[in-house]
Amino acid sequence: MTPEESGLPLDQFKDRTIIGLWYLGPFETHFAIPLPFTLNNEQTSNLELGTQVEIYNASYDNQEWSLAGTATLSETGSLSSDVDSGISILSSLLLVQ
């Protein structure tokens, strides 16, 4: 899926770089404690060590993106959610630099 196919507004990100978008399902399940997030693949190869990105979850009920926290690229090349950050809604996930 491309970001434009998500069915959610992207105007707030027009001057930023979208790192990735994942569709986790048509759920609207909210978590009291965010689930940690780690990405290990070719999408992190363009990023410099220490790069921080924002994690957004889709709120289909509200038709908006909700900031779920940040993630930082480690020395191993993995992009991991920072303390108290992560997936807070089981829906679509968007990473933005």
Protein backbone atom coordinates (compact mmCIF):
# COMPACT_ATOMS: atom_id res chain seq x y z
CA MET A 1 0.00 0.00 0.00
CA THR A 2 1.20 3.49 -0.74
CA PRO A 3 0.56 6.31 1.75
CA GLU A 4 -1.92 7.84 -0.69
CA GLU A 5 -3.96 4.59 -0.71
CA SER A 6 -4.38 4.59 3.08
CA GLY A 7 -7.61 6.57 2.95
CA LEU A 8 -6.28 8.91 5.63
CA PRO A 9 -5.21 12.54 5.25
CA LEU A 10 -1.51 13.13 4.53
CA ASP A 11 -1.47 16.93 4.23
CA GLN A 12 0.27 17.31 7.59
CA PHE A 13 3.26 15.35 6.20
CA LYS A 14 3.62 17.10 2.81
CA ASP A 15 6.96 18.72 3.76
CA ARG A 16 8.36 15.60 5.43
CA THR A 17 9.72 12.22 4.32
CA ILE A 18 7.52 9.16 4.81
CA ILE A 19 9.83 6.26 5.74
CA GLY A 20 7.18 3.55 5.62
CA LEU A 21 3.52 2.69 5.96
CA TRP A 22 2.10 -0.60 7.17
CA TYR A 23 -1.51 -1.71 7.27
CA LEU A 24 -1.94 -3.82 10.40
CA GLY A 25 -5.65 -4.37 9.89
CA PRO A 26 -9.02 -2.63 10.11
CA PHE A 27 -8.88 -2.68 13.88
CA GLU A 28 -9.36 0.16 16.30
CA THR A 29 -7.88 -1.58 19.32
CA HIS A 30 -6.15 0.81 21.72
CA PHE A 31 -3.38 -0.25 24.11
CA ALA A 32 -2.90 1.31 27.56
CA ILE A 33 0.85 0.65 27.27
CA PRO A 34 2.35 1.17 23.77
CA LEU A 35 3.78 -1.93 22.08
CA PRO A 36 7.51 -1.58 21.30
CA PHE A 37 8.35 -1.22 17.63
CA THR A 38 11.51 -2.36 15.78
CA LEU A 39 12.21 -2.26 12.05
CA ASN A 40 15.12 -4.18 10.51
CA ASN A 41 15.14 -3.98 6.73
CA GLU A 42 16.29 -2.06 3.67
CA GLN A 43 14.11 0.93 4.57
CA THR A 44 16.62 1.92 7.25
CA SER A 45 19.66 1.80 4.94
CA ASN A 46 19.21 5.45 3.81
CA LEU A 47 19.15 6.73 7.39
CA GLU A 48 22.14 7.89 9.41
CA LEU A 49 22.97 6.49 12.85
CA GLY A 50 20.92 8.30 15.49
CA THR A 51 18.22 9.45 13.06
CA GLN A 52 14.96 9.95 14.90
CA VAL A 53 11.59 9.44 13.22
CA GLU A 54 8.06 9.92 14.46
CA ILE A 55 5.65 6.99 14.76
CA TYR A 56 2.02 7.63 13.86
CA ASN A 57 -0.96 5.31 14.24
CA ALA A 58 -4.10 5.66 12.17
CA SER A 59 -7.30 6.40 13.98
CA TYR A 60 -9.94 5.30 11.53
CA ASP A 61 -12.67 6.33 13.97
CA ASN A 62 -11.40 9.94 13.85
CA GLN A 63 -9.93 9.79 10.31
CA GLU A 64 -6.58 11.13 11.51
CA TRP A 65 -3.02 10.16 12.35
CA SER A 66 -2.19 10.01 16.05
CA LEU A 67 1.41 10.57 17.20
CA ALA A 68 2.55 7.41 19.02
CA GLY A 69 6.09 8.56 19.82
CA THR A 70 9.52 8.35 18.27
CA ALA A 71 12.05 5.76 17.10
CA THR A 72 15.83 6.09 16.74
CA LEU A 73 18.21 4.26 14.37
CA SER A 74 20.73 2.22 16.36
CA GLU A 75 24.28 1.11 15.53
CA THR A 76 22.92 -2.26 14.37
CA GLY A 77 20.76 -0.58 11.72
CA SER A 78 17.49 -1.24 13.49
CA LEU A 79 14.93 1.46 14.02
CA SER A 80 13.45 0.96 17.49
CA SER A 81 10.82 2.86 19.41
CA ASP A 82 12.15 5.03 22.20
CA VAL A 83 11.10 4.66 25.85
CA ASP A 84 7.34 5.18 26.25
CA SER A 85 6.86 5.10 22.47
CA GLY A 86 5.39 2.44 20.25
CA ILE A 87 2.23 1.22 18.63
CA SER A 88 -0.73 2.53 20.60
CA ILE A 89 -3.52 1.61 18.15
CA LEU A 90 -3.67 -1.66 16.21
CA SER A 91 -4.35 -0.12 12.79
CA SER A 92 -2.09 1.45 10.16
CA LEU A 93 1.40 2.52 11.13
CA LEU A 94 3.29 5.45 9.56
CA LEU A 95 6.94 6.44 10.10
CA VAL A 96 7.88 10.02 9.21
CA GLN A 97 11.21 11.82 9.23
